[in-house]
Protein backbone atom coordinates (compact mmCIF):
# COMPACT_ATOMS: atom_id res chain seq x y z
CA MET A 1 -15.97 -27.04 40.56
CA ILE A 2 -14.60 -25.89 37.23
CA PRO A 3 -17.06 -25.55 34.35
CA SER A 4 -16.70 -28.26 31.73
CA TRP A 5 -16.01 -25.89 28.84
CA ILE A 6 -13.08 -24.35 30.72
CA ALA A 7 -11.73 -27.80 31.59
CA ILE A 8 -11.92 -28.84 27.93
CA TRP A 9 -10.22 -25.62 26.83
CA ILE A 10 -7.43 -26.11 29.37
CA ALA A 11 -6.95 -29.74 28.34
CA ARG A 12 -6.73 -28.78 24.67
CA PHE A 13 -4.27 -25.95 25.44
CA VAL A 14 -2.05 -28.16 27.64
CA SER A 15 -2.00 -30.90 24.98
CA GLY A 16 -0.36 -28.45 22.58
CA GLU A 17 -3.29 -27.66 20.33
CA HIS A 18 -2.98 -24.20 18.85
CA LEU A 19 -5.82 -21.74 19.01
CA ARG A 20 -7.09 -20.85 15.58
CA PRO A 21 -7.68 -17.22 14.74
CA GLY A 22 -11.21 -16.03 14.26
CA GLU A 23 -12.67 -16.21 10.79
CA ARG A 24 -14.91 -13.65 9.11
CA ALA A 25 -18.00 -15.72 9.85
CA ASP A 26 -17.09 -15.82 13.55
CA TYR A 27 -16.79 -12.05 13.72
CA ARG A 28 -20.01 -11.53 11.78
CA TYR A 29 -21.96 -13.86 14.03
CA TRP A 30 -20.66 -12.65 17.38
CA PHE A 31 -20.82 -8.94 16.52
CA GLY A 32 -24.39 -9.59 15.39
CA VAL A 33 -25.17 -11.21 18.73
CA LEU A 34 -23.52 -8.28 20.49
CA PHE A 35 -25.91 -5.90 18.70
CA LEU A 36 -29.05 -8.04 18.77
CA PHE A 37 -28.91 -8.88 22.48
CA PRO A 38 -29.93 -5.44 23.83
CA ALA A 39 -32.40 -4.99 20.97
CA GLU A 40 -34.04 -8.34 21.69
CA VAL A 41 -34.15 -7.64 25.43
CA VAL A 42 -36.12 -4.46 24.75
CA VAL A 43 -38.49 -6.28 22.39
CA PHE A 44 -38.88 -9.11 24.90
CA ALA A 45 -39.65 -6.70 27.75
CA LEU A 46 -42.24 -4.80 25.72
CA ILE A 47 -44.02 -7.77 24.16
CA CYS A 48 -43.71 -10.59 26.64
CA SER A 49 -44.04 -8.98 30.07
CA PRO A 50 -47.87 -9.16 30.14
CA LEU A 51 -47.70 -12.84 29.20
CA PHE A 52 -45.84 -13.79 32.39
CA GLN A 53 -49.04 -13.60 34.44
CA ARG A 54 -50.34 -16.69 32.64
CA SER A 55 -49.81 -20.36 33.41
CA GLY A 56 -46.41 -22.03 33.44
CA ILE A 57 -46.99 -23.66 30.06
CA ALA A 58 -47.72 -20.29 28.46
CA VAL A 59 -44.53 -18.85 29.95
CA TRP A 60 -42.54 -21.83 28.68
CA LEU A 61 -44.01 -21.47 25.19
CA VAL A 62 -43.26 -17.75 25.11
CA LEU A 63 -39.67 -18.24 26.28
CA THR A 64 -39.05 -21.11 23.85
CA THR A 65 -40.53 -19.21 20.93
CA PHE A 66 -38.60 -16.07 21.76
CA GLY A 67 -35.37 -18.06 22.14
CA LEU A 68 -35.82 -19.66 18.72
CA VAL A 69 -36.61 -16.31 17.13
CA ALA A 70 -33.50 -14.81 18.76
CA LEU A 71 -31.34 -17.69 17.50
CA PHE A 72 -32.56 -17.54 13.92
CA SER A 73 -32.50 -13.74 13.81
CA GLY A 74 -28.84 -13.88 14.85
CA LEU A 75 -28.03 -16.39 12.14
CA LEU A 76 -29.94 -14.39 9.54
CA TRP A 77 -28.27 -11.17 10.68
CA ALA A 78 -24.80 -12.73 10.39
CA THR A 79 -25.56 -13.90 6.87
CA TYR A 80 -26.41 -10.48 5.44
CA VAL A 81 -24.84 -7.78 7.64
CA PRO A 82 -21.08 -7.10 7.70
CA ALA A 83 -19.18 -7.29 10.98
CA GLY A 84 -18.16 -3.63 10.99
CA LEU A 85 -21.76 -2.44 10.75
CA SER A 86 -22.80 -4.86 13.49
CA LEU A 87 -20.02 -3.59 15.75
CA GLY A 88 -20.97 0.04 15.15
CA LEU A 89 -24.64 -0.66 15.85
CA ALA A 90 -23.66 -2.66 18.94
CA VAL A 91 -21.76 0.30 20.38
CA VAL A 92 -24.79 2.55 19.85
CA ALA A 93 -27.24 -0.06 21.22
CA TRP A 94 -25.20 -0.73 24.35
CA ALA A 95 -24.67 3.01 24.94
CA CYS A 96 -28.44 3.50 24.74
CA ALA A 97 -29.00 0.52 27.06
CA PHE A 98 -26.58 1.85 29.68
CA TRP A 99 -28.09 5.33 29.40
CA ALA A 100 -31.61 3.94 29.85
CA ALA A 101 -30.51 1.85 32.82
CA TRP A 102 -28.85 4.89 34.36
CA GLN A 103 -31.94 7.08 33.86
CA TYR A 104 -34.74 4.68 34.70
CA LEU A 105 -33.38 2.19 37.23
């Protein structure tokens, strides 16, 4: 079974639609996500791990709240931080994440 987003992309490509190049806002947003993902995983692991021994509703509330905070922090980050800085910070953050995984897992 092919995922729907791939099927839509293939259908648009076969129909002759041209891919548009990325805009500045696209790069700012996705480089921000690339940096914020490992940072938010660390924050999530430190803050939310004790909360997982609660009821299912508490876990759902924590995950929903953290997801909304992650979404809006990414949008806010993309508004004010240039793409080049986000990319540089992402390289450092992912290098630290891989180093930590190598040392502690």
